[in-house]
C-alpha cells in the first residue's frame, strides 16, 4: 500500500497521508471486516461525519492548533474565531 510513497526528511511518518486518505483506507478496511454491513454506512464521507460528531470541543481546546488559532486571534483584533466564553 505504501509503494510509491516518498518520505521527506524531518517530516516523520505522520505526514504520509492526509485525513481524507486515511479515512478512505479505514473505510475499505472496515468494509472488508464488516462485509455484511451496509456499504453506505462505511463510505469515507459517513466516517468523516461520524468522527467530526464524536470529537468534542473540549478536546479540541487542548490541541496545539487551537492554541495557535487563539494566539492568531489575539494578534488580529477584529477577527473572532471562537466565542470568548470558552476560556
PDB file of N, CA and C in Angstrom:
ATOM      1  N   UNK A   1       0.810  -1.193   0.000  1.00  0.00           N
ATOM      2  CA  UNK A   1       0.000   0.000   0.000  1.00  0.00           C
ATOM      3  C   UNK A   1       0.857   1.262   0.000  1.00  0.00           C
ATOM      4  N   UNK A   2       2.020   1.215   0.643  1.00  0.00           N
ATOM      5  CA  UNK A   2       2.863   2.395   0.717  1.00  0.00           C
ATOM      6  C   UNK A   2       3.887   2.467  -0.408  1.00  0.00           C
ATOM      7  N   UNK A   3       3.754   1.601  -1.400  1.00  0.00           N
ATOM      8  CA  UNK A   3       4.643   1.692  -2.546  1.00  0.00           C
ATOM      9  C   UNK A   3       4.453   3.025  -3.238  1.00  0.00           C
ATOM     10  N   UNK A   4       5.539   3.648  -3.583  1.00  0.00           N
ATOM     11  CA  UNK A   4       5.454   4.933  -4.265  1.00  0.00           C
ATOM     12  C   UNK A   4       5.405   6.118  -3.328  1.00  0.00           C
ATOM     13  N   UNK A   5       5.336   5.867  -2.026  1.00  0.00           N
ATOM     14  CA  UNK A   5       5.329   6.963  -1.058  1.00  0.00           C
ATOM     15  C   UNK A   5       6.757   7.412  -0.841  1.00  0.00           C
ATOM     16  N   UNK A   6       6.984   8.696  -0.937  1.00  0.00           N
ATOM     17  CA  UNK A   6       8.314   9.223  -0.665  1.00  0.00           C
ATOM     18  C   UNK A   6       8.293   9.895   0.695  1.00  0.00           C
ATOM     19  N   UNK A   7       9.344   9.677   1.449  1.00  0.00           N
ATOM     20  CA  UNK A   7       9.441  10.242   2.795  1.00  0.00           C
ATOM     21  C   UNK A   7      10.317  11.479   2.756  1.00  0.00           C
ATOM     22  N   UNK A   8       9.807  12.565   3.250  1.00  0.00           N
ATOM     23  CA  UNK A   8      10.566  13.805   3.317  1.00  0.00           C
ATOM     24  C   UNK A   8      11.350  13.828   4.623  1.00  0.00           C
ATOM     25  N   UNK A   9      12.624  14.161   4.570  1.00  0.00           N
ATOM     26  CA  UNK A   9      13.412  14.230   5.805  1.00  0.00           C
ATOM     27  C   UNK A   9      12.803  15.219   6.798  1.00  0.00           C
ATOM     28  N   UNK A  10      12.726  14.804   8.036  1.00  0.00           N
ATOM     29  CA  UNK A  10      12.233  15.685   9.088  1.00  0.00           C
ATOM     30  C   UNK A  10      10.726  15.704   9.267  1.00  0.00           C
ATOM     31  N   UNK A  11       9.972  15.110   8.373  1.00  0.00           N
ATOM     32  CA  UNK A  11       8.518  15.148   8.498  1.00  0.00           C
ATOM     33  C   UNK A  11       7.985  13.994   9.330  1.00  0.00           C
ATOM     34  N   UNK A  12       8.672  12.875   9.330  1.00  0.00           N
ATOM     35  CA  UNK A  12       8.198  11.733  10.097  1.00  0.00           C
ATOM     36  C   UNK A  12       7.057  11.019   9.405  1.00  0.00           C
ATOM     37  N   UNK A  13       6.648   9.892   9.978  1.00  0.00           N
ATOM     38  CA  UNK A  13       5.591   9.074   9.397  1.00  0.00           C
ATOM     39  C   UNK A  13       4.220   9.703   9.444  1.00  0.00           C
ATOM     40  N   UNK A  14       4.011  10.690  10.298  1.00  0.00           N
ATOM     41  CA  UNK A  14       2.690  11.297  10.420  1.00  0.00           C
ATOM     42  C   UNK A  14       2.295  12.072   9.172  1.00  0.00           C
ATOM     43  N   UNK A  15       3.229  12.383   8.327  1.00  0.00           N
ATOM     44  CA  UNK A  15       2.939  13.173   7.136  1.00  0.00           C
ATOM     45  C   UNK A  15       2.754  12.315   5.895  1.00  0.00           C
ATOM     46  N   UNK A  16       2.564  11.030   6.056  1.00  0.00           N
ATOM     47  CA  UNK A  16       2.458  10.128   4.911  1.00  0.00           C
ATOM     48  C   UNK A  16       1.152  10.294   4.158  1.00  0.00           C
ATOM     49  N   UNK A  17       0.099  10.752   4.817  1.00  0.00           N
ATOM     50  CA  UNK A  17      -1.184  10.912   4.139  1.00  0.00           C
ATOM     51  C   UNK A  17      -2.005  11.986   4.831  1.00  0.00           C
ATOM     52  N   UNK A  18      -3.030  12.426   4.158  1.00  0.00           N
ATOM     53  CA  UNK A  18      -3.936  13.390   4.781  1.00  0.00           C
ATOM     54  C   UNK A  18      -5.114  12.626   5.392  1.00  0.00           C
ATOM     55  N   UNK A  19      -5.932  13.321   6.119  1.00  0.00           N
ATOM     56  CA  UNK A  19      -7.063  12.691   6.791  1.00  0.00           C
ATOM     57  C   UNK A  19      -8.033  12.008   5.841  1.00  0.00           C
ATOM     58  N   UNK A  20      -8.237  12.607   4.676  1.00  0.00           N
ATOM     59  CA  UNK A  20      -9.154  12.009   3.703  1.00  0.00           C
ATOM     60  C   UNK A  20      -8.612  10.672   3.196  1.00  0.00           C
ATOM     61  N   UNK A  21      -7.306  10.621   2.969  1.00  0.00           N
ATOM     62  CA  UNK A  21      -6.693   9.366   2.532  1.00  0.00           C
ATOM     63  C   UNK A  21      -6.828   8.302   3.619  1.00  0.00           C
ATOM     64  N   UNK A  22      -6.561   8.700   4.850  1.00  0.00           N
ATOM     65  CA  UNK A  22      -6.650   7.771   5.972  1.00  0.00           C
ATOM     66  C   UNK A  22      -8.065   7.221   6.116  1.00  0.00           C
ATOM     67  N   UNK A  23      -9.060   8.072   5.981  1.00  0.00           N
ATOM     68  CA  UNK A  23     -10.444   7.609   6.098  1.00  0.00           C
ATOM     69  C   UNK A  23     -10.856   6.731   4.924  1.00  0.00           C
ATOM     70  N   UNK A  24     -10.295   6.959   3.758  1.00  0.00           N
ATOM     71  CA  UNK A  24     -10.574   6.084   2.623  1.00  0.00           C
ATOM     72  C   UNK A  24     -10.038   4.678   2.896  1.00  0.00           C
ATOM     73  N   UNK A  25      -8.833   4.602   3.461  1.00  0.00           N
ATOM     74  CA  UNK A  25      -8.247   3.308   3.801  1.00  0.00           C
ATOM     75  C   UNK A  25      -9.050   2.658   4.930  1.00  0.00           C
ATOM     76  N   UNK A  26      -9.414   3.433   5.940  1.00  0.00           N
ATOM     77  CA  UNK A  26     -10.218   2.906   7.045  1.00  0.00           C
ATOM     78  C   UNK A  26     -11.560   2.385   6.541  1.00  0.00           C
ATOM     79  N   UNK A  27     -12.169   3.106   5.617  1.00  0.00           N
ATOM     80  CA  UNK A  27     -13.441   2.680   5.034  1.00  0.00           C
ATOM     81  C   UNK A  27     -13.305   1.328   4.341  1.00  0.00           C
ATOM     82  N   UNK A  28     -12.243   1.185   3.543  1.00  0.00           N
ATOM     83  CA  UNK A  28     -12.004  -0.096   2.863  1.00  0.00           C
ATOM     84  C   UNK A  28     -11.771  -1.222   3.864  1.00  0.00           C
ATOM     85  N   UNK A  29     -10.967  -0.957   4.881  1.00  0.00           N
ATOM     86  CA  UNK A  29     -10.665  -1.979   5.880  1.00  0.00           C
ATOM     87  C   UNK A  29     -11.935  -2.398   6.631  1.00  0.00           C
ATOM     88  N   UNK A  30     -12.733  -1.445   7.037  1.00  0.00           N
ATOM     89  CA  UNK A  30     -13.972  -1.769   7.750  1.00  0.00           C
ATOM     90  C   UNK A  30     -14.943  -2.527   6.850  1.00  0.00           C
ATOM     91  N   UNK A  31     -14.986  -2.149   5.594  1.00  0.00           N
ATOM     92  CA  UNK A  31     -15.883  -2.844   4.664  1.00  0.00           C
ATOM     93  C   UNK A  31     -15.463  -4.306   4.504  1.00  0.00           C
ATOM     94  N   UNK A  32     -14.149  -4.552   4.488  1.00  0.00           N
ATOM     95  CA  UNK A  32     -13.664  -5.938   4.378  1.00  0.00           C
ATOM     96  C   UNK A  32     -13.982  -6.719   5.647  1.00  0.00           C
ATOM     97  N   UNK A  33     -13.775  -6.094   6.809  1.00  0.00           N
ATOM     98  CA  UNK A  33     -14.012  -6.774   8.087  1.00  0.00           C
ATOM     99  C   UNK A  33     -15.502  -6.943   8.350  1.00  0.00           C
ATOM    100  N   UNK A  34     -16.283  -5.902   8.051  1.00  0.00           N
ATOM    101  CA  UNK A  34     -17.721  -5.911   8.317  1.00  0.00           C
ATOM    102  C   UNK A  34     -18.487  -6.001   7.006  1.00  0.00           C
ATOM    103  N   UNK A  35     -18.114  -6.909   6.174  1.00  0.00           N
ATOM    104  CA  UNK A  35     -18.663  -7.022   4.828  1.00  0.00           C
ATOM    105  C   UNK A  35     -20.173  -7.098   4.746  1.00  0.00           C
ATOM    106  N   UNK A  36     -20.827  -7.539   5.795  1.00  0.00           N
ATOM    107  CA  UNK A  36     -22.278  -7.643   5.752  1.00  0.00           C
ATOM    108  C   UNK A  36     -22.959  -6.328   6.073  1.00  0.00           C
ATOM    109  N   UNK A  37     -22.189  -5.353   6.566  1.00  0.00           N
ATOM    110  CA  UNK A  37     -22.742  -4.041   6.892  1.00  0.00           C
ATOM    111  C   UNK A  37     -23.135  -3.294   5.623  1.00  0.00           C
ATOM    112  N   UNK A  38     -24.034  -2.375   5.760  1.00  0.00           N
ATOM    113  CA  UNK A  38     -24.422  -1.543   4.625  1.00  0.00           C
ATOM    114  C   UNK A  38     -23.212  -0.736   4.164  1.00  0.00           C
ATOM    115  N   UNK A  39     -22.905  -0.814   2.880  1.00  0.00           N
ATOM    116  CA  UNK A  39     -21.733  -0.104   2.363  1.00  0.00           C
ATOM    117  C   UNK A  39     -21.899   1.407   2.479  1.00  0.00           C
ATOM    118  N   UNK A  40     -23.140   1.894   2.507  1.00  0.00           N
ATOM    119  CA  UNK A  40     -23.374   3.335   2.657  1.00  0.00           C
ATOM    120  C   UNK A  40     -22.890   3.866   3.984  1.00  0.00           C
ATOM    121  N   UNK A  41     -22.993   3.049   5.037  1.00  0.00           N
ATOM    122  CA  UNK A  41     -22.557   3.470   6.360  1.00  0.00           C
ATOM    123  C   UNK A  41     -21.037   3.510   6.467  1.00  0.00           C
ATOM    124  N   UNK A  42     -20.360   2.829   5.565  1.00  0.00           N
ATOM    125  CA  UNK A  42     -18.901   2.740   5.640  1.00  0.00           C
ATOM    126  C   UNK A  42     -18.198   3.619   4.608  1.00  0.00           C
ATOM    127  N   UNK A  43     -18.948   4.436   3.895  1.00  0.00           N
ATOM    128  CA  UNK A  43     -18.326   5.360   2.940  1.00  0.00           C
ATOM    129  C   UNK A  43     -17.436   6.343   3.697  1.00  0.00           C
ATOM    130  N   UNK A  44     -16.318   6.762   3.117  1.00  0.00           N
ATOM    131  CA  UNK A  44     -15.438   7.720   3.794  1.00  0.00           C
ATOM    132  C   UNK A  44     -16.173   8.976   4.273  1.00  0.00           C
ATOM    133  N   UNK A  45     -17.135   9.460   3.485  1.00  0.00           N
ATOM    134  CA  UNK A  45     -17.880  10.666   3.863  1.00  0.00           C
ATOM    135  C   UNK A  45     -18.670  10.444   5.152  1.00  0.00           C
ATOM    136  N   UNK A  46     -19.258   9.247   5.295  1.00  0.00           N
ATOM    137  CA  UNK A  46     -20.018   8.944   6.513  1.00  0.00           C
ATOM    138  C   UNK A  46     -19.095   8.777   7.715  1.00  0.00           C
ATOM    139  N   UNK A  47     -17.929   8.175   7.498  1.00  0.00           N
ATOM    140  CA  UNK A  47     -16.956   8.049   8.581  1.00  0.00           C
ATOM    141  C   UNK A  47     -16.474   9.428   9.011  1.00  0.00           C
ATOM    142  N   UNK A  48     -16.225  10.311   8.056  1.00  0.00           N
ATOM    143  CA  UNK A  48     -15.800  11.677   8.375  1.00  0.00           C
ATOM    144  C   UNK A  48     -16.854  12.366   9.231  1.00  0.00           C
ATOM    145  N   UNK A  49     -18.095  12.253   8.822  1.00  0.00           N
ATOM    146  CA  UNK A  49     -19.192  12.887   9.552  1.00  0.00           C
ATOM    147  C   UNK A  49     -19.287  12.330  10.965  1.00  0.00           C
ATOM    148  N   UNK A  50     -19.203  11.026  11.102  1.00  0.00           N
ATOM    149  CA  UNK A  50     -19.297  10.393  12.421  1.00  0.00           C
ATOM    150  C   UNK A  50     -18.152  10.812  13.331  1.00  0.00           C
ATOM    151  N   UNK A  51     -16.944  10.859  12.772  1.00  0.00           N
ATOM    152  CA  UNK A  51     -15.786  11.251  13.577  1.00  0.00           C
ATOM    153  C   UNK A  51     -15.857  12.726  13.976  1.00  0.00           C
ATOM    154  N   UNK A  52     -16.338  13.582  13.086  1.00  0.00           N
ATOM    155  CA  UNK A  52     -16.495  15.006  13.446  1.00  0.00           C
ATOM    156  C   UNK A  52     -17.498  15.158  14.578  1.00  0.00           C
ATOM    157  N   UNK A  53     -18.586  14.409  14.509  1.00  0.00           N
ATOM    158  CA  UNK A  53     -19.603  14.498  15.558  1.00  0.00           C
ATOM    159  C   UNK A  53     -19.097  13.956  16.889  1.00  0.00           C
ATOM    160  N   UNK A  54     -18.205  12.989  16.841  1.00  0.00           N
ATOM    161  CA  UNK A  54     -17.695  12.374  18.068  1.00  0.00           C
ATOM    162  C   UNK A  54     -16.594  13.200  18.728  1.00  0.00           C
ATOM    163  N   UNK A  55     -15.962  14.105  17.996  1.00  0.00           N
ATOM    164  CA  UNK A  55     -14.840  14.885  18.524  1.00  0.00           C
ATOM    165  C   UNK A  55     -15.380  16.098  19.275  1.00  0.00           C
ATOM    166  N   UNK A  56     -15.217  16.084  20.579  1.00  0.00           N
ATOM    167  CA  UNK A  56     -15.782  17.140  21.412  1.00  0.00           C
ATOM    168  C   UNK A  56     -14.909  18.382  21.414  1.00  0.00           C
ATOM    169  N   UNK A  57     -15.551  19.535  21.523  1.00  0.00           N
ATOM    170  CA  UNK A  57     -14.865  20.825  21.528  1.00  0.00           C
ATOM    171  C   UNK A  57     -13.837  20.902  22.655  1.00  0.00           C
ATOM    172  N   UNK A  58     -14.130  20.308  23.792  1.00  0.00           N
ATOM    173  CA  UNK A  58     -13.201  20.363  24.928  1.00  0.00           C
ATOM    174  C   UNK A  58     -11.879  19.672  24.592  1.00  0.00           C
ATOM    175  N   UNK A  59     -11.909  18.654  23.734  1.00  0.00           N
ATOM    176  CA  UNK A  59     -10.666  18.011  23.301  1.00  0.00           C
ATOM    177  C   UNK A  59      -9.904  18.921  22.335  1.00  0.00           C
ATOM    178  N   UNK A  60     -10.643  19.579  21.451  1.00  0.00           N
ATOM    179  CA  UNK A  60     -10.025  20.499  20.501  1.00  0.00           C
ATOM    180  C   UNK A  60      -9.327  21.636  21.237  1.00  0.00           C
ATOM    181  N   UNK A  61      -9.922  22.100  22.325  1.00  0.00           N
ATOM    182  CA  UNK A  61      -9.346  23.197  23.092  1.00  0.00           C
ATOM    183  C   UNK A  61      -7.976  22.839  23.674  1.00  0.00           C
ATOM    184  N   UNK A  62      -7.657  21.574  23.774  1.00  0.00           N
ATOM    185  CA  UNK A  62      -6.379  21.132  24.336  1.00  0.00           C
ATOM    186  C   UNK A  62      -5.294  20.951  23.269  1.00  0.00           C
ATOM    187  N   UNK A  63      -5.625  21.208  22.007  1.00  0.00           N
ATOM    188  CA  UNK A  63      -4.673  20.966  20.923  1.00  0.00           C
ATOM    189  C   UNK A  63      -3.786  22.183  20.663  1.00  0.00           C
ATOM    190  N   UNK A  64      -2.653  21.903  20.042  1.00  0.00           N
ATOM    191  CA  UNK A  64      -1.739  22.973  19.651  1.00  0.00           C
ATOM    192  C   UNK A  64      -2.387  23.855  18.581  1.00  0.00           C
ATOM    193  N   UNK A  65      -3.175  23.269  17.706  1.00  0.00           N
ATOM    194  CA  UNK A  65      -3.863  24.043  16.674  1.00  0.00           C
ATOM    195  C   UNK A  65      -4.765  25.088  17.320  1.00  0.00           C
ATOM    196  N   UNK A  66      -5.543  24.670  18.312  1.00  0.00           N
ATOM    197  CA  UNK A  66      -6.442  25.605  18.996  1.00  0.00           C
ATOM    198  C   UNK A  66      -5.638  26.737  19.637  1.00  0.00           C
ATOM    199  N   UNK A  67      -4.545  26.407  20.320  1.00  0.00           N
ATOM    200  CA  UNK A  67      -3.723  27.420  20.974  1.00  0.00           C
ATOM    201  C   UNK A  67      -3.155  28.409  19.958  1.00  0.00           C
ATOM    202  N   UNK A  68      -2.730  27.900  18.823  1.00  0.00           N
ATOM    203  CA  UNK A  68      -2.185  28.784  17.783  1.00  0.00           C
ATOM    204  C   UNK A  68      -3.261  29.684  17.174  1.00  0.00           C
ATOM    205  N   UNK A  69      -4.447  29.139  17.009  1.00  0.00           N
ATOM    206  CA  UNK A  69      -5.545  29.950  16.483  1.00  0.00           C
ATOM    207  C   UNK A  69      -5.945  31.030  17.474  1.00  0.00           C
ATOM    208  N   UNK A  70      -5.926  30.728  18.755  1.00  0.00           N
ATOM    209  CA  UNK A  70      -6.238  31.739  19.778  1.00  0.00           C
ATOM    210  C   UNK A  70      -5.178  32.838  19.777  1.00  0.00           C
ATOM    211  N   UNK A  71      -3.928  32.464  19.609  1.00  0.00           N
ATOM    212  CA  UNK A  71      -2.845  33.434  19.545  1.00  0.00           C
ATOM    213  C   UNK A  71      -3.008  34.323  18.312  1.00  0.00           C
ATOM    214  N   UNK A  72      -3.354  33.714  17.176  1.00  0.00           N
ATOM    215  CA  UNK A  72      -3.603  34.487  15.961  1.00  0.00           C
ATOM    216  C   UNK A  72      -4.724  35.486  16.209  1.00  0.00           C
ATOM    217  N   UNK A  73      -5.759  35.036  16.878  1.00  0.00           N
ATOM    218  CA  UNK A  73      -6.905  35.882  17.192  1.00  0.00           C
ATOM    219  C   UNK A  73      -6.467  37.106  18.010  1.00  0.00           C
ATOM    220  N   UNK A  74      -5.562  36.887  18.967  1.00  0.00           N
ATOM    221  CA  UNK A  74      -5.074  37.989  19.807  1.00  0.00           C
ATOM    222  C   UNK A  74      -4.273  39.003  18.994  1.00  0.00           C
ATOM    223  N   UNK A  75      -3.553  38.520  17.986  1.00  0.00           N
ATOM    224  CA  UNK A  75      -2.740  39.406  17.162  1.00  0.00           C
ATOM    225  C   UNK A  75      -3.521  40.068  16.025  1.00  0.00           C
ATOM    226  N   UNK A  76      -4.772  39.695  15.869  1.00  0.00           N
ATOM    227  CA  UNK A  76      -5.616  40.262  14.809  1.00  0.00           C
ATOM    228  C   UNK A  76      -6.948  40.726  15.396  1.00  0.00           C
ATOM    229  N   UNK A  77      -6.908  41.845  16.118  1.00  0.00           N
ATOM    230  CA  UNK A  77      -8.162  42.375  16.688  1.00  0.00           C
ATOM    231  C   UNK A  77      -9.205  42.587  15.594  1.00  0.00           C
ATOM    232  N   UNK A  78     -10.415  42.313  15.950  1.00  0.00           N
ATOM    233  CA  UNK A  78     -11.498  42.451  14.976  1.00  0.00           C
ATOM    234  C   UNK A  78     -11.888  41.128  14.344  1.00  0.00           C
ATOM    235  N   UNK A  79     -11.037  40.117  14.483  1.00  0.00           N
ATOM    236  CA  UNK A  79     -11.344  38.783  13.978  1.00  0.00           C
ATOM    237  C   UNK A  79     -11.599  37.868  15.167  1.00  0.00           C
ATOM    238  N   UNK A  80     -12.748  37.238  15.188  1.00  0.00           N
ATOM    239  CA  UNK A  80     -13.097  36.328  16.267  1.00  0.00           C
ATOM    240  C   UNK A  80     -13.341  34.944  15.693  1.00  0.00           C
ATOM    241  N   UNK A  81     -12.551  33.978  16.146  1.00  0.00           N
ATOM    242  CA  UNK A  81     -12.718  32.602  15.684  1.00  0.00           C
ATOM    243  C   UNK A  81     -13.533  31.763  16.658  1.00  0.00           C
ATOM    244  N   UNK A  82     -13.423  32.114  17.942  1.00  0.00           N
ATOM    245  CA  UNK A  82     -14.082  31.329  18.992  1.00  0.00           C
ATOM    246  C   UNK A  82     -14.813  32.276  19.940  1.00  0.00           C
ATOM    247  N   UNK A  83     -15.882  31.810  20.546  1.00  0.00           N
ATOM    248  CA  UNK A  83     -16.593  32.662  21.500  1.00  0.00           C
ATOM    249  C   UNK A  83     -15.717  32.920  22.735  1.00  0.00           C
ATOM    250  N   UNK A  84     -15.787  34.125  23.298  1.00  0.00           N
ATOM    251  CA  UNK A  84     -14.927  34.449  24.442  1.00  0.00           C
ATOM    252  C   UNK A  84     -15.245  33.635  25.695  1.00  0.00           C
ATOM    253  N   UNK A  85     -16.417  33.053  25.791  1.00  0.00           N
ATOM    254  CA  UNK A  85     -16.815  32.299  26.987  1.00  0.00           C
ATOM    255  C   UNK A  85     -16.068  30.988  27.139  1.00  0.00           C
ATOM    256  N   UNK A  86     -15.329  30.557  26.113  1.00  0.00           N
ATOM    257  CA  UNK A  86     -14.699  29.238  26.194  1.00  0.00           C
ATOM    258  C   UNK A  86     -13.356  29.268  26.926  1.00  0.00           C
ATOM    259  N   UNK A  87     -12.928  30.395  27.413  1.00  0.00           N
ATOM    260  CA  UNK A  87     -11.637  30.468  28.076  1.00  0.00           C
ATOM    261  C   UNK A  87     -11.722  29.953  29.458  1.00  0.00           C
TER     262      UNK A  87
END
